[in-house]
Each structure stands twice: as C-alpha cells, then as structure tokens.
Amino acid sequence: MRDLSRRYLPAGDLREGGTALAKIVAEREDPFLVLISTILSQRTRDEKTEIASRRLFAKYDTPQSIADADAADLERLIKPVGFYRQKAVQIQKVSRALLDRHGGSVPRTYEELMELPQVGPKTANCVLVYGYGEPRIPTDTHVHRVSNRLGLVRTKSPEQTEQRLMRTVPKDYWLHINELFIRFGKDICRPIGPRCPECSFTKFCRHYPRTKWAKAVRRHPRAERAHPPRGGTSGHEGRGGHVDDALSVLDRSDRTSCPRFRHRAP
C-alpha cells in the first residue's frame, strides 16, 4: 500500500484524505456527522454527498436538531443527493433512535451501530473508521472492484469482499483501505476506462490482461520491452492476480511509516 499511501495519504492521516467523509472529519471530528453523511452517500457520487452534507450541517448538526427539523427543509438541503426524500426520512429516524436509545450519542461498537435504523455493514464500518479511528474495512463498489482486480479477493458482492478482506489483509492495514481504494478506484482503476498505463500494479492485476494495452503488447512484444507499463513487463498472465502478489502491495514498512488516525475525545 506504500504506493497508494504516497499518492493519496502522504502523511498517513485520514484527516488529510480527499473523500467526503475524510473532509468532514478533518473539520469536525464528530461521529454523528460521519453517520449522517454515510447515509446520504448511499447510491450517490462523493461530490454530491459533500455538497449536501455541508448544506445540511450548516443548519442541523445534532441528533436533536435533525429529529426536530421540518422534513421539507431537510429535503431541500440534501436535494443534491439521490433519493433525497427517502433519505430525509432516514436521517430523522436514525437521529430519533440515537436520542431514544443512546442519549444522543453514536455507539462505538459494530453490533450497536447495526441495530440502528438505516445502518448496514458499510455505514457501521464508516462510522468506526472515520468517526472513531477503529480499524475496519468499509466496502463500497470501489473497494469491491479494486480488491477483485488486484487479486486480493474473488467475490461477487461488496459484503462478501468485506468478509474476505478481513480474513486476508493484516489488521494493521484496515484503517486506510477504504480511503485509498476509493481514491485509486476513482482516479486510476475506474469501472469504465481504467487508466492502466498509469497503474503500478499491472504485473498482478486480473483485469489488465483483458485491456487494449495488454492485447497490444501481445501483438507487439517489442513495444513492451521498449515502453513497459509501470507495474512491470511480465508475470501478470501467469500469476492471475494471486493473493500473495496483491499482498506484496501492502508492504510492511508502510505500517510503521504512517501514523494512524485516532479520534480525539472532545
């Protein structure tokens, strides 16, 4: 993960990340804001989530204020996100549940978070990682796609990917995987039109052999020797994205060089 850390988290601190959740944490380390933003982010682009979150939190930023807010006003503020009417209802439900069950505080355990309305595995894990600095692996479509392409997993759904990554990847790396893989998945390893010539991992990527660049190399092998991809000149076809190759990305030195984000108690 050194290469991704240098690119997206050079100081090894989630508060310097580029996702909407990382930016919210950088400004105000409040697990409640992380919880609400994660609900807003469902089936919504990160850029829209950030816009809607800022608009909402400028007026309502506590469980009590959102629980008491006029539903139409909530809808107006979060309109940039998809399904904003349903999400206005959802964030009021979870705010009221926090007030009724937890005195307005966001619980710190996965099990308690999963008991809240509108909270699934990804949302619970996002709260733990970005809200409390607890090592978990929130898994969205980007994390699912990148993990499968790099050969860390062979799964069909984000839920399966999360469970497999937690068994395969050392826990020391969990905290940053979501931030790094989302940024890498949006920047380089895109679902459509991936930028493979700029990737460092073509040597063991399972997707690369099917791309136009790999096919061009097979037709003209001399071109590969003259202008090899950044990930290497050989081995990707034979290895097929084995876990050992992918785990080599997660170099041990990256663990000690990157201080982990820890939530500062108010």
C-alpha atoms as a PDB file:
ATOM      1  CA  MET A   1       0.000   0.000   0.000  1.00  0.00           C
ATOM      2  CA  ARG A   2       3.023   2.272   0.046  1.00  0.00           C
ATOM      3  CA  ASP A   3       2.420   3.462  -3.497  1.00  0.00           C
ATOM      4  CA  LEU A   4      -1.205   4.382  -2.783  1.00  0.00           C
ATOM      5  CA  SER A   5      -0.300   5.975   0.549  1.00  0.00           C
ATOM      6  CA  ARG A   6       2.320   8.177  -1.063  1.00  0.00           C
ATOM      7  CA  ARG A   7      -0.199   9.251  -3.681  1.00  0.00           C
ATOM      8  CA  TYR A   8      -3.309   9.806  -1.560  1.00  0.00           C
ATOM      9  CA  LEU A   9      -2.289   9.910   2.135  1.00  0.00           C
ATOM     10  CA  PRO A  10       1.343  11.066   2.213  1.00  0.00           C
ATOM     11  CA  ALA A  11       1.175  11.840   5.935  1.00  0.00           C
ATOM     12  CA  GLY A  12      -0.724   8.633   6.718  1.00  0.00           C
ATOM     13  CA  ASP A  13      -3.603  10.550   8.319  1.00  0.00           C
ATOM     14  CA  LEU A  14      -7.234  10.019   7.303  1.00  0.00           C
ATOM     15  CA  ARG A  15      -7.961  13.630   8.150  1.00  0.00           C
ATOM     16  CA  GLU A  16      -5.918  14.577   5.083  1.00  0.00           C
ATOM     17  CA  GLY A  17      -7.935  12.334   2.753  1.00  0.00           C
ATOM     18  CA  GLY A  18      -9.946  13.502  -0.228  1.00  0.00           C
ATOM     19  CA  THR A  19     -13.264  11.694   0.226  1.00  0.00           C
ATOM     20  CA  ALA A  20     -16.306  13.490   1.610  1.00  0.00           C
ATOM     21  CA  LEU A  21     -16.049  11.622   4.912  1.00  0.00           C
ATOM     22  CA  ALA A  22     -12.363  12.438   5.331  1.00  0.00           C
ATOM     23  CA  LYS A  23     -13.047  16.133   4.726  1.00  0.00           C
ATOM     24  CA  ILE A  24     -15.841  16.149   7.296  1.00  0.00           C
ATOM     25  CA  VAL A  25     -13.568  14.504   9.875  1.00  0.00           C
ATOM     26  CA  ALA A  26     -10.806  17.000   9.115  1.00  0.00           C
ATOM     27  CA  GLU A  27     -13.137  19.875  10.004  1.00  0.00           C
ATOM     28  CA  ARG A  28     -15.097  18.375  12.896  1.00  0.00           C
ATOM     29  CA  GLU A  29     -14.328  15.003  14.432  1.00  0.00           C
ATOM     30  CA  ASP A  30     -17.944  14.137  15.132  1.00  0.00           C
ATOM     31  CA  PRO A  31     -19.142  10.535  14.627  1.00  0.00           C
ATOM     32  CA  PHE A  32     -22.721  11.768  14.208  1.00  0.00           C
ATOM     33  CA  LEU A  33     -21.778  13.806  11.148  1.00  0.00           C
ATOM     34  CA  VAL A  34     -19.990  10.760   9.727  1.00  0.00           C
ATOM     35  CA  LEU A  35     -23.097   8.637  10.303  1.00  0.00           C
ATOM     36  CA  ILE A  36     -25.430  11.090   8.577  1.00  0.00           C
ATOM     37  CA  SER A  37     -23.032  11.713   5.664  1.00  0.00           C
ATOM     38  CA  THR A  38     -22.651   7.990   5.091  1.00  0.00           C
ATOM     39  CA  ILE A  39     -26.425   7.571   4.881  1.00  0.00           C
ATOM     40  CA  LEU A  40     -26.564  10.458   2.404  1.00  0.00           C
ATOM     41  CA  SER A  41     -23.759   8.878   0.347  1.00  0.00           C
ATOM     42  CA  GLN A  42     -25.713   5.736  -0.495  1.00  0.00           C
ATOM     43  CA  ARG A  43     -26.065   5.465  -4.302  1.00  0.00           C
ATOM     44  CA  THR A  44     -24.694   8.988  -4.637  1.00  0.00           C
ATOM     45  CA  ARG A  45     -21.456  10.414  -6.021  1.00  0.00           C
ATOM     46  CA  ASP A  46     -18.972  11.605  -3.433  1.00  0.00           C
ATOM     47  CA  GLU A  47     -19.023  15.171  -4.746  1.00  0.00           C
ATOM     48  CA  LYS A  48     -22.794  15.408  -4.283  1.00  0.00           C
ATOM     49  CA  THR A  49     -22.545  13.895  -0.811  1.00  0.00           C
ATOM     50  CA  GLU A  50     -20.095  16.583   0.248  1.00  0.00           C
ATOM     51  CA  ILE A  51     -22.312  19.391  -1.076  1.00  0.00           C
ATOM     52  CA  ALA A  52     -25.438  18.048   0.613  1.00  0.00           C
ATOM     53  CA  SER A  53     -23.630  17.350   3.886  1.00  0.00           C
ATOM     54  CA  ARG A  54     -22.241  20.871   4.109  1.00  0.00           C
ATOM     55  CA  ARG A  55     -25.644  22.398   3.396  1.00  0.00           C
ATOM     56  CA  LEU A  56     -27.326  20.199   5.991  1.00  0.00           C
ATOM     57  CA  PHE A  57     -24.737  20.626   8.758  1.00  0.00           C
ATOM     58  CA  ALA A  58     -24.683  24.392   8.362  1.00  0.00           C
ATOM     59  CA  LYS A  59     -28.206  24.367   9.821  1.00  0.00           C
ATOM     60  CA  TYR A  60     -28.711  20.991  11.519  1.00  0.00           C
ATOM     61  CA  ASP A  61     -25.714  19.194  13.026  1.00  0.00           C
ATOM     62  CA  THR A  62     -27.005  17.308  16.083  1.00  0.00           C
ATOM     63  CA  PRO A  63     -29.427  14.395  16.566  1.00  0.00           C
ATOM     64  CA  GLN A  64     -31.881  16.704  18.333  1.00  0.00           C
ATOM     65  CA  SER A  65     -31.870  19.360  15.620  1.00  0.00           C
ATOM     66  CA  ILE A  66     -32.378  16.857  12.805  1.00  0.00           C
ATOM     67  CA  ALA A  67     -35.058  14.979  14.753  1.00  0.00           C
ATOM     68  CA  ASP A  68     -36.975  18.220  15.289  1.00  0.00           C
ATOM     69  CA  ALA A  69     -36.419  19.651  11.794  1.00  0.00           C
ATOM     70  CA  ASP A  70     -39.171  20.138   9.254  1.00  0.00           C
ATOM     71  CA  ALA A  71     -38.994  17.280   6.743  1.00  0.00           C
ATOM     72  CA  ALA A  72     -39.432  19.614   3.781  1.00  0.00           C
ATOM     73  CA  ASP A  73     -36.489  21.699   4.942  1.00  0.00           C
ATOM     74  CA  LEU A  74     -34.306  18.601   5.252  1.00  0.00           C
ATOM     75  CA  GLU A  75     -35.303  17.567   1.729  1.00  0.00           C
ATOM     76  CA  ARG A  76     -34.402  20.999   0.393  1.00  0.00           C
ATOM     77  CA  LEU A  77     -30.962  20.946   1.999  1.00  0.00           C
ATOM     78  CA  ILE A  78     -29.980  17.433   0.910  1.00  0.00           C
ATOM     79  CA  LYS A  79     -31.535  17.625  -2.554  1.00  0.00           C
ATOM     80  CA  PRO A  80     -28.142  17.202  -4.340  1.00  0.00           C
ATOM     81  CA  VAL A  81     -28.066  13.520  -3.295  1.00  0.00           C
ATOM     82  CA  GLY A  82     -30.072  10.759  -4.927  1.00  0.00           C
ATOM     83  CA  PHE A  83     -33.327   9.647  -3.263  1.00  0.00           C
ATOM     84  CA  TYR A  84     -33.255  12.769  -1.096  1.00  0.00           C
ATOM     85  CA  ARG A  85     -36.873  12.418   0.054  1.00  0.00           C
ATOM     86  CA  GLN A  86     -36.312   8.921   1.388  1.00  0.00           C
ATOM     87  CA  LYS A  87     -33.011   9.948   2.960  1.00  0.00           C
ATOM     88  CA  ALA A  88     -34.626  12.873   4.762  1.00  0.00           C
ATOM     89  CA  VAL A  89     -36.897  10.334   6.444  1.00  0.00           C
ATOM     90  CA  GLN A  90     -33.960   8.023   7.142  1.00  0.00           C
ATOM     91  CA  ILE A  91     -31.748  10.590   8.856  1.00  0.00           C
ATOM     92  CA  GLN A  92     -34.651  11.648  11.077  1.00  0.00           C
ATOM     93  CA  LYS A  93     -35.307   8.022  12.051  1.00  0.00           C
ATOM     94  CA  VAL A  94     -31.697   7.365  12.990  1.00  0.00           C
ATOM     95  CA  SER A  95     -31.456  10.680  14.870  1.00  0.00           C
ATOM     96  CA  ARG A  96     -34.528   9.827  16.935  1.00  0.00           C
ATOM     97  CA  ALA A  97     -33.167   6.334  17.602  1.00  0.00           C
ATOM     98  CA  LEU A  98     -29.927   7.830  18.909  1.00  0.00           C
ATOM     99  CA  LEU A  99     -31.898  10.092  21.244  1.00  0.00           C
ATOM    100  CA  ASP A 100     -34.182   7.293  22.455  1.00  0.00           C
ATOM    101  CA  ARG A 101     -31.573   4.540  22.859  1.00  0.00           C
ATOM    102  CA  HIS A 102     -28.215   6.237  23.388  1.00  0.00           C
ATOM    103  CA  GLY A 103     -28.889   9.666  24.834  1.00  0.00           C
ATOM    104  CA  GLY A 104     -27.976  11.333  21.554  1.00  0.00           C
ATOM    105  CA  SER A 105     -24.536   9.714  21.312  1.00  0.00           C
ATOM    106  CA  VAL A 106     -23.349   7.493  18.468  1.00  0.00           C
ATOM    107  CA  PRO A 107     -22.421   4.000  19.740  1.00  0.00           C
ATOM    108  CA  ARG A 108     -18.839   2.805  19.340  1.00  0.00           C
ATOM    109  CA  THR A 109     -19.443  -0.873  18.605  1.00  0.00           C
ATOM    110  CA  TYR A 110     -20.329  -2.544  15.328  1.00  0.00           C
ATOM    111  CA  GLU A 111     -23.140  -4.518  16.927  1.00  0.00           C
ATOM    112  CA  GLU A 112     -24.847  -1.456  18.418  1.00  0.00           C
ATOM    113  CA  LEU A 113     -24.477   0.514  15.205  1.00  0.00           C
ATOM    114  CA  MET A 114     -26.063  -2.308  13.217  1.00  0.00           C
ATOM    115  CA  GLU A 115     -29.136  -2.126  15.463  1.00  0.00           C
ATOM    116  CA  LEU A 116     -29.830   1.451  14.350  1.00  0.00           C
ATOM    117  CA  PRO A 117     -32.356   2.044  11.543  1.00  0.00           C
ATOM    118  CA  GLN A 118     -30.868   2.623   8.079  1.00  0.00           C
ATOM    119  CA  VAL A 119     -27.456   1.303   9.177  1.00  0.00           C
ATOM    120  CA  GLY A 120     -25.847  -1.600   7.331  1.00  0.00           C
ATOM    121  CA  PRO A 121     -22.305  -3.025   7.353  1.00  0.00           C
ATOM    122  CA  LYS A 122     -20.773  -0.279   5.203  1.00  0.00           C
ATOM    123  CA  THR A 123     -22.332   2.534   7.235  1.00  0.00           C
ATOM    124  CA  ALA A 124     -21.370   0.956  10.560  1.00  0.00           C
ATOM    125  CA  ASN A 125     -17.799   0.450   9.416  1.00  0.00           C
ATOM    126  CA  CYS A 126     -17.537   4.008   8.064  1.00  0.00           C
ATOM    127  CA  VAL A 127     -18.590   5.371  11.459  1.00  0.00           C
ATOM    128  CA  LEU A 128     -15.997   3.229  13.215  1.00  0.00           C
ATOM    129  CA  VAL A 129     -13.175   4.150  10.810  1.00  0.00           C
ATOM    130  CA  TYR A 130     -13.866   7.832  10.145  1.00  0.00           C
ATOM    131  CA  GLY A 131     -15.718   8.649  13.361  1.00  0.00           C
ATOM    132  CA  TYR A 132     -13.684   6.740  15.930  1.00  0.00           C
ATOM    133  CA  GLY A 133     -10.466   5.689  14.183  1.00  0.00           C
ATOM    134  CA  GLU A 134     -11.245   2.000  14.752  1.00  0.00           C
ATOM    135  CA  PRO A 135      -9.752  -0.467  12.228  1.00  0.00           C
ATOM    136  CA  ARG A 136     -12.493  -1.826   9.974  1.00  0.00           C
ATOM    137  CA  ILE A 137     -12.920  -2.168   6.196  1.00  0.00           C
ATOM    138  CA  PRO A 138     -15.917  -0.229   4.823  1.00  0.00           C
ATOM    139  CA  THR A 139     -16.582  -1.787   1.434  1.00  0.00           C
ATOM    140  CA  ASP A 140     -18.351   0.049  -1.371  1.00  0.00           C
ATOM    141  CA  THR A 141     -18.281  -0.565  -5.125  1.00  0.00           C
ATOM    142  CA  HIS A 142     -14.807   0.975  -5.497  1.00  0.00           C
ATOM    143  CA  VAL A 143     -13.258  -1.179  -2.760  1.00  0.00           C
ATOM    144  CA  HIS A 144     -15.049  -4.237  -4.164  1.00  0.00           C
ATOM    145  CA  ARG A 145     -13.818  -3.597  -7.728  1.00  0.00           C
ATOM    146  CA  VAL A 146     -10.220  -2.750  -6.840  1.00  0.00           C
ATOM    147  CA  SER A 147      -9.880  -5.695  -4.447  1.00  0.00           C
ATOM    148  CA  ASN A 148     -11.076  -8.136  -7.105  1.00  0.00           C
ATOM    149  CA  ARG A 149      -8.932  -6.656  -9.861  1.00  0.00           C
ATOM    150  CA  LEU A 150      -5.794  -6.781  -7.716  1.00  0.00           C
ATOM    151  CA  GLY A 151      -6.495 -10.376  -6.738  1.00  0.00           C
ATOM    152  CA  LEU A 152      -6.991  -9.772  -3.036  1.00  0.00           C
ATOM    153  CA  VAL A 153     -10.401 -11.457  -3.288  1.00  0.00           C
ATOM    154  CA  ARG A 154     -12.615 -13.302  -5.760  1.00  0.00           C
ATOM    155  CA  THR A 155     -16.097 -12.274  -4.717  1.00  0.00           C
ATOM    156  CA  LYS A 156     -19.436 -11.290  -6.204  1.00  0.00           C
ATOM    157  CA  SER A 157     -20.644  -8.606  -3.784  1.00  0.00           C
ATOM    158  CA  PRO A 158     -19.239  -5.864  -1.522  1.00  0.00           C
ATOM    159  CA  GLU A 159     -20.489  -7.779   1.524  1.00  0.00           C
ATOM    160  CA  GLN A 160     -18.502 -10.868   0.510  1.00  0.00           C
ATOM    161  CA  THR A 161     -15.490  -8.681  -0.242  1.00  0.00           C
ATOM    162  CA  GLU A 162     -15.562  -7.127   3.230  1.00  0.00           C
ATOM    163  CA  GLN A 163     -15.570 -10.519   4.935  1.00  0.00           C
ATOM    164  CA  ARG A 164     -12.841 -11.898   2.714  1.00  0.00           C
ATOM    165  CA  LEU A 165     -10.599  -8.834   3.114  1.00  0.00           C
ATOM    166  CA  MET A 166     -10.905  -9.054   6.885  1.00  0.00           C
ATOM    167  CA  ARG A 167      -9.642 -12.644   6.703  1.00  0.00           C
ATOM    168  CA  THR A 168      -6.892 -11.931   4.162  1.00  0.00           C
ATOM    169  CA  VAL A 169      -5.468  -8.494   4.928  1.00  0.00           C
ATOM    170  CA  PRO A 170      -3.492  -7.864   8.130  1.00  0.00           C
ATOM    171  CA  LYS A 171      -5.473  -5.723  10.562  1.00  0.00           C
ATOM    172  CA  ASP A 172      -2.739  -3.070  10.599  1.00  0.00           C
ATOM    173  CA  TYR A 173      -3.860  -2.047   7.109  1.00  0.00           C
ATOM    174  CA  TRP A 174      -7.621  -1.948   7.605  1.00  0.00           C
ATOM    175  CA  LEU A 175      -7.942   1.682   8.657  1.00  0.00           C
ATOM    176  CA  HIS A 176      -6.751   3.181   5.372  1.00  0.00           C
ATOM    177  CA  ILE A 177      -8.030   0.664   2.812  1.00  0.00           C
ATOM    178  CA  ASN A 178     -11.360   2.404   2.229  1.00  0.00           C
ATOM    179  CA  GLU A 179      -9.849   5.842   1.662  1.00  0.00           C
ATOM    180  CA  LEU A 180      -7.008   4.585  -0.545  1.00  0.00           C
ATOM    181  CA  PHE A 181      -9.051   2.182  -2.678  1.00  0.00           C
ATOM    182  CA  ILE A 182     -11.852   4.726  -3.236  1.00  0.00           C
ATOM    183  CA  ARG A 183      -9.358   7.346  -4.381  1.00  0.00           C
ATOM    184  CA  PHE A 184      -7.479   4.828  -6.546  1.00  0.00           C
ATOM    185  CA  GLY A 185     -10.756   3.454  -7.947  1.00  0.00           C
ATOM    186  CA  LYS A 186     -11.945   6.908  -8.990  1.00  0.00           C
ATOM    187  CA  ASP A 187      -8.584   8.163 -10.239  1.00  0.00           C
ATOM    188  CA  ILE A 188      -6.895   5.181 -11.939  1.00  0.00           C
ATOM    189  CA  CYS A 189      -8.804   1.897 -11.577  1.00  0.00           C
ATOM    190  CA  ARG A 190     -12.080   3.221 -12.973  1.00  0.00           C
ATOM    191  CA  PRO A 191     -15.014   0.900 -13.690  1.00  0.00           C
ATOM    192  CA  ILE A 192     -15.089   2.122 -17.304  1.00  0.00           C
ATOM    193  CA  GLY A 193     -11.956   3.388 -18.991  1.00  0.00           C
ATOM    194  CA  PRO A 194      -9.336   2.457 -16.386  1.00  0.00           C
ATOM    195  CA  ARG A 195      -6.009   4.254 -16.797  1.00  0.00           C
ATOM    196  CA  CYS A 196      -3.850   1.134 -16.817  1.00  0.00           C
ATOM    197  CA  PRO A 197      -0.683   2.742 -18.258  1.00  0.00           C
ATOM    198  CA  GLU A 198      -0.528   4.908 -15.120  1.00  0.00           C
ATOM    199  CA  CYS A 199      -1.004   1.969 -12.737  1.00  0.00           C
ATOM    200  CA  SER A 200       1.790   0.398 -10.678  1.00  0.00           C
ATOM    201  CA  PHE A 201       0.017  -2.939 -10.263  1.00  0.00           C
ATOM    202  CA  THR A 202      -0.425  -4.280 -13.808  1.00  0.00           C
ATOM    203  CA  LYS A 203       2.016  -7.098 -13.073  1.00  0.00           C
ATOM    204  CA  PHE A 204      -0.547  -8.958 -10.960  1.00  0.00           C
ATOM    205  CA  CYS A 205      -3.816  -7.250 -11.909  1.00  0.00           C
ATOM    206  CA  ARG A 206      -6.512  -9.700 -13.000  1.00  0.00           C
ATOM    207  CA  HIS A 207      -8.177  -7.091 -15.204  1.00  0.00           C
ATOM    208  CA  TYR A 208      -5.103  -5.851 -17.085  1.00  0.00           C
ATOM    209  CA  PRO A 209      -4.678  -8.882 -19.425  1.00  0.00           C
ATOM    210  CA  ARG A 210      -8.130  -8.112 -20.898  1.00  0.00           C
ATOM    211  CA  THR A 211      -7.362  -4.467 -21.679  1.00  0.00           C
ATOM    212  CA  LYS A 212      -6.387  -2.971 -25.016  1.00  0.00           C
ATOM    213  CA  TRP A 213      -2.908  -2.211 -23.684  1.00  0.00           C
ATOM    214  CA  ALA A 214      -2.184  -5.829 -22.772  1.00  0.00           C
ATOM    215  CA  LYS A 215      -3.576  -7.023 -26.105  1.00  0.00           C
ATOM    216  CA  ALA A 216      -1.363  -4.548 -27.937  1.00  0.00           C
ATOM    217  CA  VAL A 217       1.669  -5.883 -26.049  1.00  0.00           C
ATOM    218  CA  ARG A 218       0.845  -9.451 -27.040  1.00  0.00           C
ATOM    219  CA  ARG A 219       0.626  -8.383 -30.673  1.00  0.00           C
ATOM    220  CA  HIS A 220       3.828  -6.334 -30.488  1.00  0.00           C
ATOM    221  CA  PRO A 221       6.024  -7.699 -27.655  1.00  0.00           C
ATOM    222  CA  ARG A 222       8.960  -5.484 -28.643  1.00  0.00           C
ATOM    223  CA  ALA A 223       6.876  -2.432 -27.773  1.00  0.00           C
ATOM    224  CA  GLU A 224       6.517  -3.732 -24.200  1.00  0.00           C
ATOM    225  CA  ARG A 225      10.280  -4.037 -23.799  1.00  0.00           C
ATOM    226  CA  ALA A 226      10.746  -0.513 -25.089  1.00  0.00           C
ATOM    227  CA  HIS A 227       7.859   1.051 -23.134  1.00  0.00           C
ATOM    228  CA  PRO A 228       6.800  -1.284 -20.282  1.00  0.00           C
ATOM    229  CA  PRO A 229       3.775  -0.462 -18.101  1.00  0.00           C
ATOM    230  CA  ARG A 230       4.619   0.907 -14.680  1.00  0.00           C
ATOM    231  CA  GLY A 231       3.671  -2.342 -12.994  1.00  0.00           C
ATOM    232  CA  GLY A 232       6.283  -4.460 -14.786  1.00  0.00           C
ATOM    233  CA  THR A 233       6.940  -6.218 -18.063  1.00  0.00           C
ATOM    234  CA  SER A 234       5.922  -9.796 -17.359  1.00  0.00           C
ATOM    235  CA  GLY A 235       4.157 -12.144 -14.994  1.00  0.00           C
ATOM    236  CA  HIS A 236       0.619 -10.790 -14.986  1.00  0.00           C
ATOM    237  CA  GLU A 237      -0.725 -13.518 -17.258  1.00  0.00           C
ATOM    238  CA  GLY A 238       0.861 -16.398 -15.376  1.00  0.00           C
ATOM    239  CA  ARG A 239       0.072 -15.175 -11.886  1.00  0.00           C
ATOM    240  CA  GLY A 240      -3.571 -14.375 -12.497  1.00  0.00           C
ATOM    241  CA  GLY A 241      -3.820 -11.969  -9.577  1.00  0.00           C
ATOM    242  CA  HIS A 242      -2.905 -14.333  -6.733  1.00  0.00           C
ATOM    243  CA  VAL A 243      -3.400 -13.047  -3.220  1.00  0.00           C
ATOM    244  CA  ASP A 244       0.316 -13.259  -2.415  1.00  0.00           C
ATOM    245  CA  ASP A 245       1.130 -10.942  -5.301  1.00  0.00           C
ATOM    246  CA  ALA A 246      -1.547  -8.458  -4.288  1.00  0.00           C
ATOM    247  CA  LEU A 247      -0.482  -8.522  -0.656  1.00  0.00           C
ATOM    248  CA  SER A 248       3.002  -7.516  -1.744  1.00  0.00           C
ATOM    249  CA  VAL A 249       1.455  -4.080  -2.345  1.00  0.00           C
ATOM    250  CA  LEU A 250       0.803  -3.898   1.397  1.00  0.00           C
ATOM    251  CA  ASP A 251       4.456  -3.555   2.303  1.00  0.00           C
ATOM    252  CA  ARG A 252       5.304  -3.881   5.989  1.00  0.00           C
ATOM    253  CA  SER A 253       7.283  -0.627   6.051  1.00  0.00           C
ATOM    254  CA  ASP A 254       4.078   1.239   5.236  1.00  0.00           C
ATOM    255  CA  ARG A 255       2.614   0.209   8.584  1.00  0.00           C
ATOM    256  CA  THR A 256       5.270   1.913  10.672  1.00  0.00           C
ATOM    257  CA  SER A 257       5.756   4.991   8.499  1.00  0.00           C
ATOM    258  CA  CYS A 258       2.087   6.039   8.530  1.00  0.00           C
ATOM    259  CA  PRO A 259       0.612   7.129  11.876  1.00  0.00           C
ATOM    260  CA  ARG A 260      -2.986   6.027  12.212  1.00  0.00           C
ATOM    261  CA  PHE A 261      -5.871   8.419  12.681  1.00  0.00           C
ATOM    262  CA  ARG A 262      -7.213   8.278  16.211  1.00  0.00           C
ATOM    263  CA  HIS A 263     -10.359  10.088  17.271  1.00  0.00           C
ATOM    264  CA  ARG A 264      -9.616  12.823  19.773  1.00  0.00           C
ATOM    265  CA  ALA A 265     -12.140  12.823  22.586  1.00  0.00           C
ATOM    266  CA  PRO A 266     -13.954  16.148  22.999  1.00  0.00           C
END
